[in-house]
Amino acid sequence: MSFARMGHGPLDYELVNFEGTPLRFRGPQPDPDAPFMLCLGSSETFGKFVAEPYPATLSELTGLPVMNMGVMNAGLEVMLHDPVVQDMMTRAEGIVLQIMGAQNMTNRFYTVHPRRNDRFLKASAILQTIYRDVDFTEFHFTRHMLNSLLQSSRDRFEIVTDELQAAWLGRMKAVLSRVECPVHLLWMAQQNPAEEATTDDILGADPLFVTQAMLEEVTPLAASLTTCVATAAEQVAPTKGMFFAAQEEAAARILPGPDMHSRAARALAQKIAMVGAP
């Protein structure tokens, strides 16, 4: 069983379908024609390996129906281009938008799959010129490709990083400018945004390439920003309370456990109450 195969294993994710998209989302699903809050994001929002992800707890805390449209390994591509996600963004009374990394987006240097955003499709002529010594046909995933580029040349990799960060800022501003309801940003990660996640020879934890300065630039366009990072205890026992098969432990270790989901939901509930419930 692979990390990307959702709905199998010890947890029943109650996956639901919507006409107009091949994507499947985590249930249970509230009535889309009644008032609801919407949670958008990647694997963290989906809540892989966790029985009750933060959207479910948030619904309990606020008494509001919450729709979980987190997509495994998603980037901002899904939010910008999937027609069903776009439709739900216009219907929602409020939105929680998880901060996602800058690597899983189509940009001037490479193209990603429109739905499976972690899938690398092709390098642009510009990137191939910068890295003439790299065979891009060897790569299938963005993280593998970027890690290889980093190891090949730290100096040239700074050019790639600058492009991804500029693209991320543009996409985030585009998403926030399209939404009329309050948007609550959520940083849910192993480290604080002020910490440097990438070393000289290896990529760090998600959200990749997003800095404190970038967050400060987009936060004024949102209703609030909630920061939830792993505690010392969670770093020592990162899979506590999670459900996964033996071969999935490596994937589980890099995702938030139930305690972090619970803390995120409580913090978000406070921010939503301060702004005003839908």
C-alpha atoms as a PDB file:
ATOM      1  CA  MET A   1       0.000   0.000   0.000  1.00  0.00           C
ATOM      2  CA  SER A   2       1.505   3.305  -1.037  1.00  0.00           C
ATOM      3  CA  PHE A   3       1.381   6.660   0.775  1.00  0.00           C
ATOM      4  CA  ALA A   4      -0.828   8.189  -1.923  1.00  0.00           C
ATOM      5  CA  ARG A   5      -3.495   5.480  -1.891  1.00  0.00           C
ATOM      6  CA  MET A   6      -6.125   6.990   0.367  1.00  0.00           C
ATOM      7  CA  GLY A   7      -9.073   5.166   1.848  1.00  0.00           C
ATOM      8  CA  HIS A   8      -7.278   1.858   2.532  1.00  0.00           C
ATOM      9  CA  GLY A   9      -5.862   0.520   5.748  1.00  0.00           C
ATOM     10  CA  PRO A  10      -7.022   0.813   9.367  1.00  0.00           C
ATOM     11  CA  LEU A  11      -8.910   4.099   8.914  1.00  0.00           C
ATOM     12  CA  ASP A  12     -12.074   4.687   6.915  1.00  0.00           C
ATOM     13  CA  TYR A  13     -11.708   8.150   5.395  1.00  0.00           C
ATOM     14  CA  GLU A  14     -15.298   8.084   4.086  1.00  0.00           C
ATOM     15  CA  LEU A  15     -14.114   9.450   0.751  1.00  0.00           C
ATOM     16  CA  VAL A  16     -16.684  11.404  -1.232  1.00  0.00           C
ATOM     17  CA  ASN A  17     -16.960  12.376  -4.877  1.00  0.00           C
ATOM     18  CA  PHE A  18     -18.282  15.503  -6.551  1.00  0.00           C
ATOM     19  CA  GLU A  19     -19.473  15.723 -10.118  1.00  0.00           C
ATOM     20  CA  GLY A  20     -16.993  17.763 -12.147  1.00  0.00           C
ATOM     21  CA  THR A  21     -13.731  16.634 -10.556  1.00  0.00           C
ATOM     22  CA  PRO A  22     -11.805  13.344 -10.356  1.00  0.00           C
ATOM     23  CA  LEU A  23     -10.557  14.320  -6.892  1.00  0.00           C
ATOM     24  CA  ARG A  24     -11.942  12.560  -3.833  1.00  0.00           C
ATOM     25  CA  PHE A  25     -12.254  14.341  -0.509  1.00  0.00           C
ATOM     26  CA  ARG A  26     -12.458  13.233   3.089  1.00  0.00           C
ATOM     27  CA  GLY A  27     -15.901  12.833   4.595  1.00  0.00           C
ATOM     28  CA  PRO A  28     -18.279  13.052   6.195  1.00  0.00           C
ATOM     29  CA  GLN A  29     -19.489  15.739   3.849  1.00  0.00           C
ATOM     30  CA  PRO A  30     -21.864  18.533   4.960  1.00  0.00           C
ATOM     31  CA  ASP A  31     -24.661  19.727   2.728  1.00  0.00           C
ATOM     32  CA  PRO A  32     -22.996  22.059   0.163  1.00  0.00           C
ATOM     33  CA  ASP A  33     -26.279  23.944  -0.226  1.00  0.00           C
ATOM     34  CA  ALA A  34     -26.399  24.839   3.494  1.00  0.00           C
ATOM     35  CA  PRO A  35     -24.010  27.274   5.253  1.00  0.00           C
ATOM     36  CA  PHE A  36     -20.596  25.682   5.878  1.00  0.00           C
ATOM     37  CA  MET A  37     -16.947  26.438   6.493  1.00  0.00           C
ATOM     38  CA  LEU A  38     -14.343  25.104   4.081  1.00  0.00           C
ATOM     39  CA  CYS A  39     -10.871  23.754   4.895  1.00  0.00           C
ATOM     40  CA  LEU A  40      -8.382  23.735   2.025  1.00  0.00           C
ATOM     41  CA  GLY A  41      -4.877  22.345   2.068  1.00  0.00           C
ATOM     42  CA  SER A  42      -2.617  19.392   1.495  1.00  0.00           C
ATOM     43  CA  SER A  43      -1.952  16.089   3.293  1.00  0.00           C
ATOM     44  CA  GLU A  44      -2.057  17.789   6.696  1.00  0.00           C
ATOM     45  CA  THR A  45      -5.586  19.094   6.152  1.00  0.00           C
ATOM     46  CA  PHE A  46      -6.744  15.780   4.709  1.00  0.00           C
ATOM     47  CA  GLY A  47      -5.519  14.185   7.922  1.00  0.00           C
ATOM     48  CA  LYS A  48      -3.794  11.083   6.606  1.00  0.00           C
ATOM     49  CA  PHE A  49      -3.342   8.467   9.371  1.00  0.00           C
ATOM     50  CA  VAL A  50      -5.396  10.563  11.847  1.00  0.00           C
ATOM     51  CA  ALA A  51      -8.859   9.514  13.000  1.00  0.00           C
ATOM     52  CA  GLU A  52     -10.071  13.079  13.625  1.00  0.00           C
ATOM     53  CA  PRO A  53      -8.283  15.775  11.607  1.00  0.00           C
ATOM     54  CA  TYR A  54      -8.549  19.416  12.575  1.00  0.00           C
ATOM     55  CA  PRO A  55     -11.541  20.175  10.268  1.00  0.00           C
ATOM     56  CA  ALA A  56     -13.642  17.602  12.149  1.00  0.00           C
ATOM     57  CA  THR A  57     -12.620  18.974  15.554  1.00  0.00           C
ATOM     58  CA  LEU A  58     -13.173  22.518  14.337  1.00  0.00           C
ATOM     59  CA  SER A  59     -16.755  21.601  13.462  1.00  0.00           C
ATOM     60  CA  GLU A  60     -17.292  20.225  16.970  1.00  0.00           C
ATOM     61  CA  LEU A  61     -15.797  23.314  18.616  1.00  0.00           C
ATOM     62  CA  THR A  62     -17.665  25.894  16.549  1.00  0.00           C
ATOM     63  CA  GLY A  63     -20.917  24.019  15.979  1.00  0.00           C
ATOM     64  CA  LEU A  64     -20.564  24.802  12.264  1.00  0.00           C
ATOM     65  CA  PRO A  65     -20.578  22.284   9.398  1.00  0.00           C
ATOM     66  CA  VAL A  66     -17.032  22.044   8.036  1.00  0.00           C
ATOM     67  CA  MET A  67     -16.124  20.668   4.615  1.00  0.00           C
ATOM     68  CA  ASN A  68     -12.660  19.086   4.394  1.00  0.00           C
ATOM     69  CA  MET A  69     -11.247  19.556   0.890  1.00  0.00           C
ATOM     70  CA  GLY A  70      -7.648  18.791   1.758  1.00  0.00           C
ATOM     71  CA  VAL A  71      -5.897  16.955  -1.077  1.00  0.00           C
ATOM     72  CA  MET A  72      -2.939  14.666  -0.601  1.00  0.00           C
ATOM     73  CA  ASN A  73       0.337  16.346  -1.658  1.00  0.00           C
ATOM     74  CA  ALA A  74      -1.514  19.351  -3.036  1.00  0.00           C
ATOM     75  CA  GLY A  75      -0.112  22.726  -3.918  1.00  0.00           C
ATOM     76  CA  LEU A  76      -1.962  25.890  -4.832  1.00  0.00           C
ATOM     77  CA  GLU A  77      -2.672  24.480  -8.303  1.00  0.00           C
ATOM     78  CA  VAL A  78      -5.713  22.593  -6.988  1.00  0.00           C
ATOM     79  CA  MET A  79      -7.166  25.677  -5.309  1.00  0.00           C
ATOM     80  CA  LEU A  80      -6.730  27.780  -8.434  1.00  0.00           C
ATOM     81  CA  HIS A  81      -7.821  25.341 -11.117  1.00  0.00           C
ATOM     82  CA  ASP A  82     -10.136  22.600  -9.847  1.00  0.00           C
ATOM     83  CA  PRO A  83     -13.707  23.700 -10.741  1.00  0.00           C
ATOM     84  CA  VAL A  84     -15.384  22.029  -7.754  1.00  0.00           C
ATOM     85  CA  VAL A  85     -12.925  23.496  -5.257  1.00  0.00           C
ATOM     86  CA  GLN A  86     -13.424  26.887  -6.892  1.00  0.00           C
ATOM     87  CA  ASP A  87     -17.207  26.509  -6.631  1.00  0.00           C
ATOM     88  CA  MET A  88     -17.040  25.583  -2.945  1.00  0.00           C
ATOM     89  CA  MET A  89     -14.805  28.588  -2.272  1.00  0.00           C
ATOM     90  CA  THR A  90     -17.561  30.867  -3.586  1.00  0.00           C
ATOM     91  CA  ARG A  91     -20.213  29.110  -1.471  1.00  0.00           C
ATOM     92  CA  ALA A  92     -18.333  28.895   1.836  1.00  0.00           C
ATOM     93  CA  GLU A  93     -19.133  31.227   4.725  1.00  0.00           C
ATOM     94  CA  GLY A  94     -15.495  31.094   5.826  1.00  0.00           C
ATOM     95  CA  ILE A  95     -12.304  29.335   4.709  1.00  0.00           C
ATOM     96  CA  VAL A  96      -9.303  27.838   6.465  1.00  0.00           C
ATOM     97  CA  LEU A  97      -6.392  27.789   4.042  1.00  0.00           C
ATOM     98  CA  GLN A  98      -3.382  25.723   5.063  1.00  0.00           C
ATOM     99  CA  ILE A  99      -0.052  27.224   4.087  1.00  0.00           C
ATOM    100  CA  MET A 100       1.406  24.857   1.490  1.00  0.00           C
ATOM    101  CA  GLY A 101       4.907  24.728   0.099  1.00  0.00           C
ATOM    102  CA  ALA A 102       6.057  26.430  -3.085  1.00  0.00           C
ATOM    103  CA  GLN A 103       7.418  23.282  -4.735  1.00  0.00           C
ATOM    104  CA  ASN A 104       4.165  21.730  -5.981  1.00  0.00           C
ATOM    105  CA  MET A 105       3.149  24.454  -8.426  1.00  0.00           C
ATOM    106  CA  THR A 106       3.647  24.977 -12.127  1.00  0.00           C
ATOM    107  CA  ASN A 107       6.063  27.871 -12.667  1.00  0.00           C
ATOM    108  CA  ARG A 108       8.484  29.279 -15.239  1.00  0.00           C
ATOM    109  CA  PHE A 109      10.931  26.449 -14.563  1.00  0.00           C
ATOM    110  CA  TYR A 110       8.782  23.313 -14.507  1.00  0.00           C
ATOM    111  CA  THR A 111       5.263  21.923 -14.850  1.00  0.00           C
ATOM    112  CA  VAL A 112       3.421  19.776 -12.307  1.00  0.00           C
ATOM    113  CA  HIS A 113       0.384  17.532 -12.689  1.00  0.00           C
ATOM    114  CA  PRO A 114      -2.798  19.663 -12.374  1.00  0.00           C
ATOM    115  CA  ARG A 115      -4.332  17.409  -9.705  1.00  0.00           C
ATOM    116  CA  ARG A 116      -1.450  15.370  -8.281  1.00  0.00           C
ATOM    117  CA  ASN A 117       0.666  18.433  -7.706  1.00  0.00           C
ATOM    118  CA  ASP A 118       3.687  16.566  -6.332  1.00  0.00           C
ATOM    119  CA  ARG A 119       4.157  14.897  -9.730  1.00  0.00           C
ATOM    120  CA  PHE A 120       6.855  16.503 -11.883  1.00  0.00           C
ATOM    121  CA  LEU A 121       5.919  16.545 -15.582  1.00  0.00           C
ATOM    122  CA  LYS A 122       8.583  18.496 -17.452  1.00  0.00           C
ATOM    123  CA  ALA A 123      11.312  21.104 -17.152  1.00  0.00           C
ATOM    124  CA  SER A 124      11.182  24.327 -19.116  1.00  0.00           C
ATOM    125  CA  ALA A 125      13.909  25.323 -21.559  1.00  0.00           C
ATOM    126  CA  ILE A 126      15.066  27.903 -19.010  1.00  0.00           C
ATOM    127  CA  LEU A 127      15.633  25.309 -16.289  1.00  0.00           C
ATOM    128  CA  GLN A 128      17.348  22.940 -18.703  1.00  0.00           C
ATOM    129  CA  THR A 129      19.698  25.764 -19.671  1.00  0.00           C
ATOM    130  CA  ILE A 130      20.518  26.532 -16.035  1.00  0.00           C
ATOM    131  CA  TYR A 131      21.137  22.829 -15.324  1.00  0.00           C
ATOM    132  CA  ARG A 132      22.669  21.520 -18.526  1.00  0.00           C
ATOM    133  CA  ASP A 133      24.280  18.677 -16.576  1.00  0.00           C
ATOM    134  CA  VAL A 134      20.963  17.269 -15.287  1.00  0.00           C
ATOM    135  CA  ASP A 135      18.811  14.662 -17.034  1.00  0.00           C
ATOM    136  CA  PHE A 136      15.262  15.679 -16.127  1.00  0.00           C
ATOM    137  CA  THR A 137      13.737  12.521 -17.605  1.00  0.00           C
ATOM    138  CA  GLU A 138      14.875  10.714 -14.452  1.00  0.00           C
ATOM    139  CA  PHE A 139      12.418  12.588 -12.207  1.00  0.00           C
ATOM    140  CA  HIS A 140       8.793  11.834 -11.425  1.00  0.00           C
ATOM    141  CA  PHE A 141       8.299  13.865  -8.238  1.00  0.00           C
ATOM    142  CA  THR A 142       9.021  17.517  -7.502  1.00  0.00           C
ATOM    143  CA  ARG A 143      10.854  16.901  -4.230  1.00  0.00           C
ATOM    144  CA  HIS A 144      13.214  14.341  -5.797  1.00  0.00           C
ATOM    145  CA  MET A 145      13.950  16.692  -8.675  1.00  0.00           C
ATOM    146  CA  LEU A 146      14.546  19.724  -6.455  1.00  0.00           C
ATOM    147  CA  ASN A 147      16.716  17.811  -4.021  1.00  0.00           C
ATOM    148  CA  SER A 148      18.906  16.688  -6.928  1.00  0.00           C
ATOM    149  CA  LEU A 149      19.193  20.259  -8.204  1.00  0.00           C
ATOM    150  CA  LEU A 150      20.175  21.462  -4.739  1.00  0.00           C
ATOM    151  CA  GLN A 151      22.907  18.857  -4.460  1.00  0.00           C
ATOM    152  CA  SER A 152      24.121  19.646  -7.960  1.00  0.00           C
ATOM    153  CA  SER A 153      24.660  23.368  -7.306  1.00  0.00           C
ATOM    154  CA  ARG A 154      23.687  25.480  -4.323  1.00  0.00           C
ATOM    155  CA  ASP A 155      24.352  28.705  -6.231  1.00  0.00           C
ATOM    156  CA  ARG A 156      22.162  27.769  -9.180  1.00  0.00           C
ATOM    157  CA  PHE A 157      19.507  26.452  -6.822  1.00  0.00           C
ATOM    158  CA  GLU A 158      19.056  29.944  -5.405  1.00  0.00           C
ATOM    159  CA  ILE A 159      17.725  30.976  -8.831  1.00  0.00           C
ATOM    160  CA  VAL A 160      15.146  28.181  -8.626  1.00  0.00           C
ATOM    161  CA  THR A 161      14.213  29.110  -5.062  1.00  0.00           C
ATOM    162  CA  ASP A 162      13.668  32.755  -6.012  1.00  0.00           C
ATOM    163  CA  GLU A 163      11.333  31.704  -8.843  1.00  0.00           C
ATOM    164  CA  LEU A 164       9.307  29.357  -6.634  1.00  0.00           C
ATOM    165  CA  GLN A 165       8.934  31.966  -3.911  1.00  0.00           C
ATOM    166  CA  ALA A 166       7.825  34.621  -6.393  1.00  0.00           C
ATOM    167  CA  ALA A 167       5.328  32.178  -7.923  1.00  0.00           C
ATOM    168  CA  TRP A 168       3.996  31.252  -4.470  1.00  0.00           C
ATOM    169  CA  LEU A 169       3.428  34.888  -3.548  1.00  0.00           C
ATOM    170  CA  GLY A 170       1.614  35.541  -6.803  1.00  0.00           C
ATOM    171  CA  ARG A 171      -0.619  32.476  -6.439  1.00  0.00           C
ATOM    172  CA  MET A 172      -1.439  33.153  -2.793  1.00  0.00           C
ATOM    173  CA  LYS A 173      -2.427  36.713  -3.580  1.00  0.00           C
ATOM    174  CA  ALA A 174      -4.543  35.440  -6.481  1.00  0.00           C
ATOM    175  CA  VAL A 175      -6.364  32.960  -4.245  1.00  0.00           C
ATOM    176  CA  LEU A 176      -6.982  35.492  -1.485  1.00  0.00           C
ATOM    177  CA  SER A 177      -8.155  38.168  -3.920  1.00  0.00           C
ATOM    178  CA  ARG A 178     -10.806  35.843  -5.367  1.00  0.00           C
ATOM    179  CA  VAL A 179     -12.421  35.005  -2.037  1.00  0.00           C
ATOM    180  CA  GLU A 180     -15.111  37.238  -0.542  1.00  0.00           C
ATOM    181  CA  CYS A 181     -15.555  35.415   2.781  1.00  0.00           C
ATOM    182  CA  PRO A 182     -13.028  35.531   5.675  1.00  0.00           C
ATOM    183  CA  VAL A 183      -9.923  33.398   5.050  1.00  0.00           C
ATOM    184  CA  HIS A 184      -8.000  32.055   8.044  1.00  0.00           C
ATOM    185  CA  LEU A 185      -4.451  31.008   7.193  1.00  0.00           C
ATOM    186  CA  LEU A 186      -2.976  27.994   8.976  1.00  0.00           C
ATOM    187  CA  TRP A 187       0.733  27.235   9.319  1.00  0.00           C
ATOM    188  CA  MET A 188       0.853  23.574  10.419  1.00  0.00           C
ATOM    189  CA  ALA A 189       4.407  22.264  10.337  1.00  0.00           C
ATOM    190  CA  GLN A 190       7.334  20.772  12.211  1.00  0.00           C
ATOM    191  CA  GLN A 191       9.059  24.156  12.485  1.00  0.00           C
ATOM    192  CA  ASN A 192       8.258  27.841  12.891  1.00  0.00           C
ATOM    193  CA  PRO A 193       8.153  29.913   9.691  1.00  0.00           C
ATOM    194  CA  ALA A 194      11.158  31.903  10.913  1.00  0.00           C
ATOM    195  CA  GLU A 195      13.328  28.754  10.940  1.00  0.00           C
ATOM    196  CA  GLU A 196      15.432  27.763   7.928  1.00  0.00           C
ATOM    197  CA  ALA A 197      14.150  24.361   6.771  1.00  0.00           C
ATOM    198  CA  THR A 198      16.598  23.757   3.907  1.00  0.00           C
ATOM    199  CA  THR A 199      20.253  22.959   4.512  1.00  0.00           C
ATOM    200  CA  ASP A 200      23.134  23.064   2.059  1.00  0.00           C
ATOM    201  CA  ASP A 201      22.520  19.566   0.733  1.00  0.00           C
ATOM    202  CA  ILE A 202      18.973  18.468   1.552  1.00  0.00           C
ATOM    203  CA  LEU A 203      15.479  19.912   1.416  1.00  0.00           C
ATOM    204  CA  GLY A 204      13.729  20.410   4.719  1.00  0.00           C
ATOM    205  CA  ALA A 205      10.204  19.857   5.967  1.00  0.00           C
ATOM    206  CA  ASP A 206       7.066  21.293   4.398  1.00  0.00           C
ATOM    207  CA  PRO A 207       5.976  23.923   3.649  1.00  0.00           C
ATOM    208  CA  LEU A 208       9.077  24.224   1.496  1.00  0.00           C
ATOM    209  CA  PHE A 209      10.574  27.637   0.688  1.00  0.00           C
ATOM    210  CA  VAL A 210       7.887  29.663   2.530  1.00  0.00           C
ATOM    211  CA  THR A 211       9.540  32.234   4.793  1.00  0.00           C
ATOM    212  CA  GLN A 212       8.371  34.502   7.579  1.00  0.00           C
ATOM    213  CA  ALA A 213       8.673  37.494   5.251  1.00  0.00           C
ATOM    214  CA  MET A 214       6.431  35.803   2.665  1.00  0.00           C
ATOM    215  CA  LEU A 215       3.806  35.089   5.302  1.00  0.00           C
ATOM    216  CA  GLU A 216       3.909  38.693   6.474  1.00  0.00           C
ATOM    217  CA  GLU A 217       3.269  39.834   2.903  1.00  0.00           C
ATOM    218  CA  VAL A 218       0.096  37.770   2.434  1.00  0.00           C
ATOM    219  CA  THR A 219      -1.357  37.800   5.964  1.00  0.00           C
ATOM    220  CA  PRO A 220      -2.869  41.313   5.633  1.00  0.00           C
ATOM    221  CA  LEU A 221      -5.038  39.911   2.821  1.00  0.00           C
ATOM    222  CA  ALA A 222      -6.516  37.296   5.183  1.00  0.00           C
ATOM    223  CA  ALA A 223      -8.682  37.431   8.292  1.00  0.00           C
ATOM    224  CA  SER A 224      -6.096  35.754  10.530  1.00  0.00           C
ATOM    225  CA  LEU A 225      -2.975  33.588  10.704  1.00  0.00           C
ATOM    226  CA  THR A 226      -2.684  30.614  13.067  1.00  0.00           C
ATOM    227  CA  THR A 227       0.719  29.030  13.685  1.00  0.00           C
ATOM    228  CA  CYS A 228       0.791  25.458  14.976  1.00  0.00           C
ATOM    229  CA  VAL A 229       4.156  23.679  15.219  1.00  0.00           C
ATOM    230  CA  ALA A 230       5.249  20.339  16.629  1.00  0.00           C
ATOM    231  CA  THR A 231       5.992  20.279  20.341  1.00  0.00           C
ATOM    232  CA  ALA A 232       9.101  18.646  21.772  1.00  0.00           C
ATOM    233  CA  ALA A 233       7.043  15.608  22.779  1.00  0.00           C
ATOM    234  CA  GLU A 234       5.591  15.306  19.279  1.00  0.00           C
ATOM    235  CA  GLN A 235       9.050  15.440  17.752  1.00  0.00           C
ATOM    236  CA  VAL A 236      10.193  12.599  20.031  1.00  0.00           C
ATOM    237  CA  ALA A 237       7.127  10.443  19.265  1.00  0.00           C
ATOM    238  CA  PRO A 238       5.829  11.800  15.946  1.00  0.00           C
ATOM    239  CA  THR A 239       3.453   8.890  15.200  1.00  0.00           C
ATOM    240  CA  LYS A 240       1.712   8.701  18.580  1.00  0.00           C
ATOM    241  CA  GLY A 241      -2.010   8.107  18.097  1.00  0.00           C
ATOM    242  CA  MET A 242      -1.739   7.604  14.321  1.00  0.00           C
ATOM    243  CA  PHE A 243      -3.022   4.640  12.320  1.00  0.00           C
ATOM    244  CA  PHE A 244      -0.804   3.218   9.584  1.00  0.00           C
ATOM    245  CA  ALA A 245       0.585   0.005   8.153  1.00  0.00           C
ATOM    246  CA  ALA A 246       4.164  -0.976   9.002  1.00  0.00           C
ATOM    247  CA  GLN A 247       5.457   0.106   5.590  1.00  0.00           C
ATOM    248  CA  GLU A 248       3.846   3.534   5.991  1.00  0.00           C
ATOM    249  CA  GLU A 249       5.742   4.605   9.104  1.00  0.00           C
ATOM    250  CA  ALA A 250       8.166   6.858   7.211  1.00  0.00           C
ATOM    251  CA  ALA A 251       5.236   8.705   5.626  1.00  0.00           C
ATOM    252  CA  ALA A 252       3.442   8.990   8.969  1.00  0.00           C
ATOM    253  CA  ARG A 253       6.465  10.451  10.750  1.00  0.00           C
ATOM    254  CA  ILE A 254       6.439  13.624   8.635  1.00  0.00           C
ATOM    255  CA  LEU A 255       2.725  14.334   9.084  1.00  0.00           C
ATOM    256  CA  PRO A 256       1.027  15.893  12.131  1.00  0.00           C
ATOM    257  CA  GLY A 257      -0.460  13.559  14.702  1.00  0.00           C
ATOM    258  CA  PRO A 258      -3.782  13.866  16.527  1.00  0.00           C
ATOM    259  CA  ASP A 259      -2.426  16.167  19.246  1.00  0.00           C
ATOM    260  CA  MET A 260      -1.272  18.764  16.710  1.00  0.00           C
ATOM    261  CA  HIS A 261      -4.588  18.504  14.853  1.00  0.00           C
ATOM    262  CA  SER A 262      -6.430  19.127  18.117  1.00  0.00           C
ATOM    263  CA  ARG A 263      -4.273  22.161  18.980  1.00  0.00           C
ATOM    264  CA  ALA A 264      -4.735  23.582  15.489  1.00  0.00           C
ATOM    265  CA  ALA A 265      -8.502  23.226  15.715  1.00  0.00           C
ATOM    266  CA  ARG A 266      -8.670  24.959  19.107  1.00  0.00           C
ATOM    267  CA  ALA A 267      -6.481  27.838  17.919  1.00  0.00           C
ATOM    268  CA  LEU A 268      -8.520  28.245  14.741  1.00  0.00           C
ATOM    269  CA  ALA A 269     -11.785  28.210  16.674  1.00  0.00           C
ATOM    270  CA  GLN A 270     -10.527  31.133  18.756  1.00  0.00           C
ATOM    271  CA  LYS A 271      -9.481  33.103  15.672  1.00  0.00           C
ATOM    272  CA  ILE A 272     -12.813  32.437  13.960  1.00  0.00           C
ATOM    273  CA  ALA A 273     -14.708  33.552  17.070  1.00  0.00           C
ATOM    274  CA  MET A 274     -12.686  36.782  17.179  1.00  0.00           C
ATOM    275  CA  VAL A 275     -13.452  37.581  13.538  1.00  0.00           C
ATOM    276  CA  GLY A 276     -17.069  36.485  13.858  1.00  0.00           C
ATOM    277  CA  ALA A 277     -18.619  33.138  13.089  1.00  0.00           C
ATOM    278  CA  PRO A 278     -20.358  32.713   9.755  1.00  0.00           C
END
